N, C-alpha and C. Protein backbone atom coordinates (compact mmCIF):
# COMPACT_ATOMS: atom_id res chain seq x y z
N MET A 1 -0.27 11.48 -12.85
CA MET A 1 -0.57 11.23 -11.64
C MET A 1 0.24 9.96 -10.67
N LEU A 2 0.12 9.75 -9.88
CA LEU A 2 0.89 8.73 -9.22
C LEU A 2 0.09 8.42 -7.83
N ILE A 3 -0.79 7.63 -7.70
CA ILE A 3 -1.99 7.22 -6.71
C ILE A 3 -1.48 5.84 -5.78
N LEU A 4 -0.67 5.63 -4.92
CA LEU A 4 -0.09 5.05 -3.64
C LEU A 4 -1.39 4.29 -2.83
N PHE A 5 -1.25 3.07 -2.99
CA PHE A 5 -2.16 2.59 -1.53
C PHE A 5 -1.44 1.55 -0.78
N ASP A 6 -1.94 1.93 0.87
CA ASP A 6 -1.38 1.08 1.41
C ASP A 6 -2.37 -0.40 1.28
N LEU A 7 -2.21 -1.26 1.89
CA LEU A 7 -2.46 -2.66 1.36
C LEU A 7 -4.06 -2.86 2.08
N ASP A 8 -3.74 -3.78 3.44
CA ASP A 8 -4.61 -3.86 4.28
C ASP A 8 -5.35 -2.43 5.22
N GLY A 9 -6.76 -3.15 5.32
CA GLY A 9 -7.16 -1.95 5.83
C GLY A 9 -8.19 -0.92 4.56
N THR A 10 -7.06 -0.77 3.67
CA THR A 10 -7.50 0.44 2.67
C THR A 10 -8.00 -0.55 1.41
N LEU A 11 -7.36 -1.39 0.78
CA LEU A 11 -7.62 -2.06 -0.18
C LEU A 11 -8.36 -3.56 -0.13
N ILE A 12 -8.12 -3.88 1.19
CA ILE A 12 -8.47 -5.15 1.53
C ILE A 12 -8.44 -5.14 2.75
N THR A 13 -9.87 -6.25 3.32
CA THR A 13 -9.81 -6.33 5.07
C THR A 13 -8.27 -6.69 5.76
N SER A 14 -8.26 -6.31 6.86
CA SER A 14 -7.02 -6.42 7.54
C SER A 14 -6.92 -8.09 8.35
N TYR A 15 -6.05 -9.10 7.89
CA TYR A 15 -5.63 -10.27 8.69
C TYR A 15 -5.56 -9.56 10.30
N MET A 16 -5.09 -8.02 10.39
CA MET A 16 -5.23 -8.09 11.91
C MET A 16 -6.18 -8.05 12.82
N ASP A 17 -7.65 -7.36 11.87
CA ASP A 17 -8.69 -7.10 12.43
C ASP A 17 -9.32 -8.82 12.64
N ASN A 18 -9.50 -9.81 11.96
CA ASN A 18 -9.89 -11.04 12.00
C ASN A 18 -9.02 -11.77 13.50
N PRO A 19 -10.30 -12.06 14.45
CA PRO A 19 -10.21 -12.97 15.21
C PRO A 19 -8.99 -14.15 15.53
N ASP A 20 -8.85 -14.53 14.44
CA ASP A 20 -8.00 -15.63 14.67
C ASP A 20 -6.57 -15.28 13.57
N ARG A 21 -6.40 -14.00 12.83
CA ARG A 21 -5.64 -13.42 12.46
C ARG A 21 -4.99 -14.34 11.25
N ASP A 22 -6.40 -14.95 10.53
CA ASP A 22 -5.94 -15.72 9.30
C ASP A 22 -5.27 -15.25 8.32
N TYR A 23 -3.96 -15.19 7.86
CA TYR A 23 -3.43 -14.54 6.93
C TYR A 23 -4.41 -14.48 5.65
N ASP A 24 -4.84 -15.53 5.56
CA ASP A 24 -5.06 -16.39 3.87
C ASP A 24 -7.13 -15.28 4.21
N SER A 25 -7.46 -14.88 5.18
CA SER A 25 -8.81 -14.61 5.20
C SER A 25 -8.95 -13.30 4.85
N TRP A 26 -9.23 -12.99 4.14
CA TRP A 26 -9.54 -11.47 3.49
C TRP A 26 -10.34 -11.12 2.10
N SER A 27 -10.67 -10.04 2.06
CA SER A 27 -11.72 -9.76 0.79
C SER A 27 -10.94 -8.10 0.38
N VAL A 28 -11.50 -7.84 -0.79
CA VAL A 28 -11.44 -6.75 -1.54
C VAL A 28 -12.69 -5.92 -0.32
N LEU A 29 -12.16 -4.83 -0.56
CA LEU A 29 -13.36 -4.04 0.27
C LEU A 29 -13.67 -2.93 -0.59
N PRO A 30 -15.28 -2.88 -0.20
CA PRO A 30 -16.46 -2.24 -1.05
C PRO A 30 -15.95 -1.03 -1.81
N HIS A 31 -15.87 -1.12 -3.03
CA HIS A 31 -15.56 0.54 -3.80
C HIS A 31 -14.20 0.27 -4.67
N ARG A 32 -13.78 -0.56 -3.71
CA ARG A 32 -12.24 -0.51 -4.52
C ARG A 32 -12.01 -0.93 -5.81
N GLU A 33 -12.12 -2.07 -6.45
CA GLU A 33 -12.72 -2.23 -7.36
C GLU A 33 -12.78 -1.66 -8.53
N GLU A 34 -13.48 -0.79 -8.59
CA GLU A 34 -14.43 0.16 -9.19
C GLU A 34 -14.00 1.40 -9.55
N MET A 35 -13.40 1.83 -8.24
CA MET A 35 -12.64 3.18 -8.12
C MET A 35 -11.28 3.08 -8.59
N ILE A 36 -10.77 2.14 -8.75
CA ILE A 36 -9.28 2.10 -9.22
C ILE A 36 -9.75 1.48 -10.51
N THR A 37 -10.51 0.94 -11.11
CA THR A 37 -10.55 1.08 -12.54
C THR A 37 -10.84 2.18 -13.11
N ALA A 38 -11.69 3.06 -12.26
CA ALA A 38 -11.81 4.82 -13.13
C ALA A 38 -10.66 5.15 -12.78
N LEU A 39 -9.52 4.78 -11.98
CA LEU A 39 -9.01 6.32 -11.67
C LEU A 39 -7.55 5.60 -12.89
N ARG A 40 -7.45 4.30 -12.96
CA ARG A 40 -6.73 3.79 -14.27
C ARG A 40 -7.12 4.05 -15.67
N SER A 41 -8.29 4.20 -15.85
CA SER A 41 -9.00 4.73 -17.22
C SER A 41 -8.85 6.13 -17.38
N GLU A 42 -8.62 6.87 -16.27
CA GLU A 42 -7.86 8.31 -16.18
C GLU A 42 -6.78 8.68 -16.49
N GLY A 43 -5.76 7.74 -16.44
CA GLY A 43 -4.35 7.36 -16.94
C GLY A 43 -3.30 7.69 -15.92
N HIS A 44 -4.05 7.42 -14.55
CA HIS A 44 -3.25 7.26 -13.00
C HIS A 44 -2.46 5.75 -13.01
N VAL A 45 -1.26 6.12 -12.50
CA VAL A 45 -0.25 5.06 -12.05
C VAL A 45 -0.73 5.13 -11.04
N ILE A 46 -1.31 3.68 -10.57
CA ILE A 46 -1.44 2.88 -9.18
C ILE A 46 -0.38 1.86 -8.50
N GLY A 47 -0.23 1.92 -7.45
CA GLY A 47 1.08 1.55 -6.83
C GLY A 47 0.49 1.02 -5.52
N ILE A 48 1.03 0.15 -4.94
CA ILE A 48 0.97 -0.16 -3.53
C ILE A 48 1.95 -0.07 -2.69
N VAL A 49 2.08 0.50 -1.23
CA VAL A 49 2.77 0.19 -0.46
C VAL A 49 2.45 -0.12 0.75
N THR A 50 3.44 -1.11 1.48
CA THR A 50 2.82 -1.77 2.57
C THR A 50 4.01 -2.37 3.66
N ASN A 51 3.14 -2.24 4.87
CA ASN A 51 4.48 -3.30 5.51
C ASN A 51 3.58 -4.30 5.96
N GLN A 52 4.80 -5.49 5.81
CA GLN A 52 4.48 -6.75 6.35
C GLN A 52 5.09 -7.63 7.05
N ALA A 53 4.99 -7.45 8.05
CA ALA A 53 5.74 -7.64 9.52
C ALA A 53 5.36 -9.22 9.74
N GLY A 54 4.81 -9.53 9.49
CA GLY A 54 4.32 -11.15 9.87
C GLY A 54 5.14 -11.52 9.15
N VAL A 55 5.83 -11.61 8.45
CA VAL A 55 7.34 -12.28 7.43
C VAL A 55 8.42 -12.31 9.28
N ALA A 56 8.12 -10.92 9.51
CA ALA A 56 9.69 -10.60 10.54
C ALA A 56 9.50 -11.44 11.87
N PHE A 57 7.78 -11.73 11.63
CA PHE A 57 7.54 -12.60 12.79
C PHE A 57 7.41 -14.29 12.59
N GLY A 58 7.87 -14.64 11.63
CA GLY A 58 7.47 -15.89 11.20
C GLY A 58 6.15 -16.94 10.75
N HIS A 59 5.27 -15.58 11.07
CA HIS A 59 3.46 -15.74 10.50
C HIS A 59 3.69 -16.43 9.63
N VAL A 60 4.61 -15.62 8.28
CA VAL A 60 4.05 -16.30 7.08
C VAL A 60 5.74 -15.63 6.00
N THR A 61 5.31 -16.39 5.23
CA THR A 61 7.18 -15.90 4.43
C THR A 61 6.99 -14.93 3.20
N GLU A 62 8.16 -14.45 2.82
CA GLU A 62 7.66 -13.86 2.18
C GLU A 62 7.24 -14.24 0.31
N LYS A 63 7.46 -15.33 0.13
CA LYS A 63 6.61 -15.81 -1.03
C LYS A 63 5.19 -16.07 -1.23
N GLU A 64 4.59 -16.40 0.56
CA GLU A 64 3.08 -16.53 0.87
C GLU A 64 2.77 -14.99 0.61
N VAL A 65 3.16 -13.79 1.31
CA VAL A 65 3.03 -12.63 0.89
C VAL A 65 3.21 -12.30 -0.18
N LEU A 66 3.79 -12.40 -0.91
CA LEU A 66 3.75 -12.04 -2.21
C LEU A 66 2.89 -12.66 -3.44
N GLN A 67 2.27 -13.98 -2.80
CA GLN A 67 1.26 -14.30 -3.86
C GLN A 67 -0.07 -13.66 -3.37
N ARG A 68 -0.01 -13.40 -2.06
CA ARG A 68 -1.43 -12.86 -1.66
C ARG A 68 -1.65 -11.68 -2.34
N ILE A 69 -0.10 -10.72 -2.73
CA ILE A 69 -0.15 -9.50 -3.05
C ILE A 69 -0.82 -9.59 -4.56
N GLN A 70 -0.27 -10.68 -5.23
CA GLN A 70 -0.43 -10.81 -6.42
C GLN A 70 -2.48 -11.36 -6.42
N CYS A 71 -2.56 -12.10 -5.93
CA CYS A 71 -4.28 -12.34 -5.79
C CYS A 71 -5.01 -11.43 -5.50
N VAL A 72 -4.39 -10.37 -4.69
CA VAL A 72 -4.90 -8.75 -4.39
C VAL A 72 -5.23 -7.82 -5.91
N LEU A 73 -4.14 -8.42 -6.80
CA LEU A 73 -3.87 -7.67 -8.01
C LEU A 73 -5.05 -8.07 -8.71
N GLU A 74 -5.21 -9.27 -8.69
CA GLU A 74 -6.14 -9.90 -9.66
C GLU A 74 -7.60 -9.69 -9.31
N ALA A 75 -8.11 -9.72 -7.63
CA ALA A 75 -9.30 -9.04 -7.73
C ALA A 75 -9.27 -7.89 -7.73
N LEU A 76 -8.43 -7.25 -7.78
CA LEU A 76 -8.79 -5.50 -8.21
C LEU A 76 -8.41 -5.52 -9.74
N ASP A 77 -8.74 -6.69 -10.40
CA ASP A 77 -8.18 -6.63 -11.91
C ASP A 77 -7.20 -5.43 -12.02
N LEU A 78 -6.11 -5.63 -11.56
CA LEU A 78 -4.96 -4.77 -11.94
C LEU A 78 -3.76 -5.69 -12.54
N PRO A 79 -2.92 -5.16 -13.23
CA PRO A 79 -1.68 -5.69 -14.01
C PRO A 79 -0.80 -6.61 -12.91
N HIS A 80 -0.56 -7.56 -13.17
CA HIS A 80 0.64 -8.13 -12.58
C HIS A 80 2.15 -7.42 -12.04
N ASP A 81 2.15 -6.78 -12.87
CA ASP A 81 3.31 -6.10 -12.69
C ASP A 81 2.86 -4.35 -12.33
N THR A 82 1.81 -4.13 -11.81
CA THR A 82 1.34 -3.14 -10.95
C THR A 82 2.78 -2.94 -9.87
N PRO A 83 3.53 -1.44 -9.90
CA PRO A 83 4.39 -1.84 -8.57
C PRO A 83 3.97 -1.80 -7.25
N VAL A 84 5.15 -2.39 -6.94
CA VAL A 84 4.50 -2.68 -4.81
C VAL A 84 5.67 -2.53 -4.51
N GLN A 85 5.87 -1.54 -3.31
CA GLN A 85 6.94 -1.95 -2.38
C GLN A 85 6.47 -2.31 -1.10
N VAL A 86 7.46 -3.34 -0.80
CA VAL A 86 7.16 -4.09 0.71
C VAL A 86 8.15 -4.12 1.62
N SER A 87 7.75 -3.91 2.55
CA SER A 87 8.90 -4.01 3.74
C SER A 87 8.22 -5.38 4.99
N PHE A 88 9.29 -5.94 4.91
CA PHE A 88 9.20 -7.02 5.79
C PHE A 88 9.94 -6.86 6.88
N GLY A 89 10.38 -5.69 7.76
CA GLY A 89 11.16 -5.53 8.53
C GLY A 89 10.30 -4.71 9.81
N HIS A 90 10.89 -5.17 10.79
CA HIS A 90 10.09 -5.25 12.11
C HIS A 90 11.36 -4.55 13.28
N PRO A 91 11.56 -3.57 14.05
CA PRO A 91 12.76 -3.48 15.18
C PRO A 91 12.37 -4.86 16.12
N LYS A 92 11.16 -5.40 16.89
CA LYS A 92 11.43 -6.57 17.59
C LYS A 92 11.17 -7.82 16.74
N ALA A 93 11.53 -8.17 15.45
CA ALA A 93 11.41 -9.16 14.67
C ALA A 93 12.19 -9.89 15.30
N LYS A 94 11.63 -11.16 15.37
CA LYS A 94 11.92 -12.74 15.94
C LYS A 94 12.94 -13.66 15.32
N ILE A 95 12.74 -12.92 13.63
CA ILE A 95 14.12 -13.47 12.41
C ILE A 95 15.27 -12.05 12.29
N TYR A 96 16.06 -12.50 12.74
CA TYR A 96 17.07 -11.43 12.73
C TYR A 96 17.33 -10.78 11.60
N ARG A 97 17.82 -11.31 10.60
CA ARG A 97 17.69 -10.23 9.44
C ARG A 97 16.71 -9.23 8.99
N TYR A 98 15.35 -9.39 9.74
CA TYR A 98 14.12 -8.64 9.53
C TYR A 98 14.58 -7.87 10.11
N ARG A 99 15.34 -7.18 11.24
CA ARG A 99 15.69 -6.81 12.67
C ARG A 99 16.83 -5.53 12.13
N LYS A 100 17.57 -5.75 11.31
CA LYS A 100 18.72 -4.96 10.82
C LYS A 100 17.91 -3.71 10.48
N GLN A 101 19.03 -2.63 10.24
CA GLN A 101 18.68 -1.67 9.94
C GLN A 101 17.75 -1.24 8.45
N GLU A 102 18.87 -2.07 7.76
CA GLU A 102 17.97 -2.06 6.25
C GLU A 102 17.26 -2.50 6.00
N ALA A 103 16.29 -3.19 6.58
CA ALA A 103 15.13 -4.11 6.90
C ALA A 103 14.57 -3.13 6.78
N ILE A 104 14.31 -2.40 8.19
CA ILE A 104 13.34 -1.91 8.97
C ILE A 104 13.86 -0.18 8.57
N ALA A 105 14.87 0.20 7.69
CA ALA A 105 14.59 1.43 7.22
C ALA A 105 13.35 1.94 6.11
N ARG A 106 13.42 1.31 5.40
CA ARG A 106 12.32 1.27 4.46
C ARG A 106 10.46 1.23 5.26
N ARG A 107 10.45 0.64 6.09
CA ARG A 107 8.96 0.60 6.90
C ARG A 107 8.43 1.54 7.00
N LYS A 108 7.43 1.54 7.22
CA LYS A 108 6.52 2.70 7.48
C LYS A 108 6.48 3.50 8.85
N PRO A 109 6.58 4.40 9.58
CA PRO A 109 6.28 5.55 8.98
C PRO A 109 7.17 6.31 8.21
N SER A 110 8.72 5.58 7.77
CA SER A 110 9.66 6.28 6.70
C SER A 110 8.88 5.95 5.61
N GLY A 111 8.98 7.49 4.93
CA GLY A 111 8.39 7.53 3.38
C GLY A 111 8.93 6.82 2.64
N GLN A 112 10.02 5.87 2.89
CA GLN A 112 11.49 5.41 1.59
C GLN A 112 10.52 4.84 0.61
N MET A 113 9.44 3.79 0.75
CA MET A 113 8.82 2.77 -0.19
C MET A 113 8.15 4.16 -1.19
N ILE A 114 7.69 4.74 -0.53
CA ILE A 114 6.92 6.28 -1.48
C ILE A 114 8.22 7.04 -2.43
N ARG A 115 9.10 7.16 -1.69
CA ARG A 115 10.17 7.50 -2.21
C ARG A 115 10.72 6.71 -3.76
N ASP A 116 10.77 5.65 -3.39
CA ASP A 116 11.47 4.64 -4.27
C ASP A 116 10.32 4.50 -5.51
N HIS A 117 8.86 4.45 -5.46
CA HIS A 117 7.49 4.68 -5.83
C HIS A 117 8.31 5.87 -6.82
N ILE A 118 8.44 6.82 -6.13
CA ILE A 118 8.23 8.17 -7.05
C ILE A 118 9.43 8.18 -8.02
N ALA A 119 10.58 7.87 -7.43
CA ALA A 119 11.90 7.73 -8.31
C ALA A 119 11.55 6.67 -9.52
N ASN A 120 10.91 5.28 -9.47
CA ASN A 120 10.66 4.75 -10.53
C ASN A 120 9.48 5.24 -11.63
N TYR A 121 8.80 6.15 -10.89
CA TYR A 121 7.15 6.54 -11.75
C TYR A 121 7.65 7.91 -12.14
N PRO A 122 8.44 8.79 -12.60
CA PRO A 122 9.15 10.57 -12.42
C PRO A 122 7.61 11.09 -12.93
N GLU A 123 7.38 10.47 -13.95
CA GLU A 123 6.75 11.03 -15.05
C GLU A 123 5.14 11.23 -14.54
N ALA A 124 4.86 10.22 -13.92
CA ALA A 124 3.33 10.10 -13.64
C ALA A 124 3.87 10.95 -12.19
N ALA A 125 4.75 11.08 -11.42
CA ALA A 125 4.73 11.82 -10.16
C ALA A 125 4.92 13.18 -9.88
N ALA A 126 5.74 13.67 -11.23
CA ALA A 126 5.17 15.01 -11.78
C ALA A 126 3.84 15.38 -11.86
N GLU A 127 3.20 14.60 -12.09
CA GLU A 127 1.80 15.12 -11.86
C GLU A 127 1.22 15.56 -10.65
N GLY A 128 1.73 14.78 -9.99
CA GLY A 128 1.71 14.68 -8.04
C GLY A 128 1.20 13.38 -7.67
N VAL A 129 1.78 13.33 -6.66
CA VAL A 129 1.65 12.03 -5.94
C VAL A 129 0.25 11.92 -4.70
N VAL A 130 0.39 11.05 -4.52
CA VAL A 130 -1.27 11.00 -3.46
C VAL A 130 -0.92 9.67 -2.90
N TYR A 131 -0.87 9.79 -1.40
CA TYR A 131 -0.53 7.96 -0.56
C TYR A 131 -2.02 8.45 0.23
N VAL A 132 -2.82 6.95 -0.22
CA VAL A 132 -3.93 6.79 0.45
C VAL A 132 -3.99 5.46 1.79
N GLY A 133 -4.05 5.26 2.73
CA GLY A 133 -4.14 4.93 4.13
C GLY A 133 -5.34 4.62 4.64
N ASP A 134 -5.03 4.18 5.94
CA ASP A 134 -5.94 3.92 7.02
C ASP A 134 -5.30 3.87 8.40
N ARG A 135 -4.05 4.14 8.70
CA ARG A 135 -3.35 4.17 9.82
C ARG A 135 -2.18 5.20 9.91
N PRO A 136 -2.12 5.72 11.18
CA PRO A 136 -1.38 6.73 11.46
C PRO A 136 0.13 6.68 10.81
N GLU A 137 0.69 5.70 10.46
CA GLU A 137 1.72 5.38 10.15
C GLU A 137 2.03 5.69 8.16
N ASP A 138 0.70 5.84 8.16
CA ASP A 138 0.67 5.91 6.47
C ASP A 138 0.64 7.21 6.48
N GLU A 139 0.25 8.06 7.03
CA GLU A 139 0.06 9.53 6.73
C GLU A 139 1.56 9.69 7.45
N ALA A 140 1.98 9.50 8.72
CA ALA A 140 3.58 9.54 8.74
C ALA A 140 4.27 9.35 7.45
N ALA A 141 4.36 8.05 6.63
CA ALA A 141 5.14 7.90 5.85
C ALA A 141 5.17 8.99 4.34
N ALA A 142 3.65 9.22 4.08
CA ALA A 142 3.53 10.24 3.13
C ALA A 142 4.10 12.01 3.68
N LYS A 143 3.65 12.34 5.01
CA LYS A 143 4.90 13.22 5.17
C LYS A 143 5.90 13.13 5.02
N ASP A 144 6.77 11.93 5.67
CA ASP A 144 8.01 11.73 5.32
C ASP A 144 8.41 12.27 4.03
N ALA A 145 7.48 11.46 2.97
CA ALA A 145 7.84 11.37 1.80
C ALA A 145 7.39 12.99 1.13
N GLY A 146 6.53 13.78 1.43
CA GLY A 146 6.67 15.18 0.83
C GLY A 146 5.48 14.92 0.24
N VAL A 147 4.51 14.10 0.23
CA VAL A 147 3.73 14.07 -0.47
C VAL A 147 2.00 13.80 0.26
N ASP A 148 1.46 14.27 -0.66
CA ASP A 148 -0.22 14.59 -0.23
C ASP A 148 -0.43 13.23 0.81
N PHE A 149 -1.61 13.32 1.37
CA PHE A 149 -2.01 11.94 2.22
C PHE A 149 -3.71 12.42 2.59
N ILE A 150 -4.29 10.97 2.29
CA ILE A 150 -5.95 11.24 1.88
C ILE A 150 -5.82 9.62 2.65
N TRP A 151 -6.97 10.01 3.78
CA TRP A 151 -7.53 8.76 4.38
C TRP A 151 -8.11 8.06 3.63
N GLU A 152 -8.24 6.52 3.86
CA GLU A 152 -9.26 5.65 2.89
C GLU A 152 -10.21 5.92 2.92
N LYS A 153 -11.33 6.45 4.14
CA LYS A 153 -12.09 6.27 4.27
C LYS A 153 -13.02 7.79 3.32
N ASP A 154 -12.58 8.75 3.27
CA ASP A 154 -12.59 10.18 2.39
C ASP A 154 -12.40 9.77 0.66
N PHE A 155 -11.31 8.64 0.65
CA PHE A 155 -10.63 8.70 -0.76
C PHE A 155 -11.79 8.19 -1.31
N PHE A 156 -11.92 6.89 -0.84
CA PHE A 156 -13.31 5.85 -1.42
C PHE A 156 -14.79 6.47 -1.77
N ALA A 157 -14.94 7.46 -0.75
CA ALA A 157 -16.17 8.49 -0.65
C ALA A 157 -16.23 9.20 -2.08
N ARG A 158 -15.37 9.22 -2.54
CA ARG A 158 -15.57 10.67 -3.79
C ARG A 158 -15.44 9.98 -4.76
N ASP A 159 -15.81 10.75 -5.66
CA ASP A 159 -16.19 10.11 -7.52
C ASP A 159 -15.38 11.05 -8.27
N SER A 160 -14.64 9.50 -8.94
CA SER A 160 -13.16 10.23 -9.43
C SER A 160 -13.65 11.17 -10.52
N ALA A 161 -14.74 11.46 -11.37
CA ALA A 161 -14.81 12.00 -12.04
C ALA A 161 -14.93 13.48 -12.35
N THR A 162 -15.35 14.04 -10.63
CA THR A 162 -15.13 15.15 -10.48
C THR A 162 -14.69 16.03 -9.26
N ASN A 163 -13.43 14.77 -8.80
CA ASN A 163 -12.67 15.53 -7.54
C ASN A 163 -11.37 15.59 -8.07
N ASN A 164 -10.11 16.16 -7.22
CA ASN A 164 -9.31 16.62 -7.27
C ASN A 164 -8.41 15.80 -6.58
N TYR A 165 -7.44 14.85 -6.75
CA TYR A 165 -6.78 14.08 -5.83
C TYR A 165 -5.75 14.58 -5.03
N SER A 166 -5.17 15.88 -5.44
CA SER A 166 -4.11 16.73 -4.32
C SER A 166 -4.73 17.66 -3.68
N GLU A 167 -4.67 17.36 -2.29
CA GLU A 167 -5.41 18.71 -1.52
C GLU A 167 -4.26 19.22 -0.39
């Protein structure tokens, strides 16, 4: 099975929730590392799908985002080559190239990043695909991609050994 996760607010604390909006201030949310370790041991392919519009507004660079994602992968004990799809685009971006149609076309609520994961991991996807997130645009992206969606608070309350992830 292909199990995809949003990043901010789902796997780690969201910089948007901290008063200073300090991009470098984050931590892994409770039970994430243990659950992901269990899922991987069960043979599931884990991936990340994330909007990172801070780049489009000049708050952070693409390189900084990708470095942070690598730190998150390490904190979650995931391999450095874990599949990750990132959208830096935003329709109101301050930096022009991130306002272009091709930059915003992948942005959630579009399901394009999820579809890209499915295309890259067809064997895992054939067993089912679940997208786990914390925001309405995550749910909309799953719907747009035609995959199951589970709210992060519900997903991480589960016991991976006894629950079926496709609902």
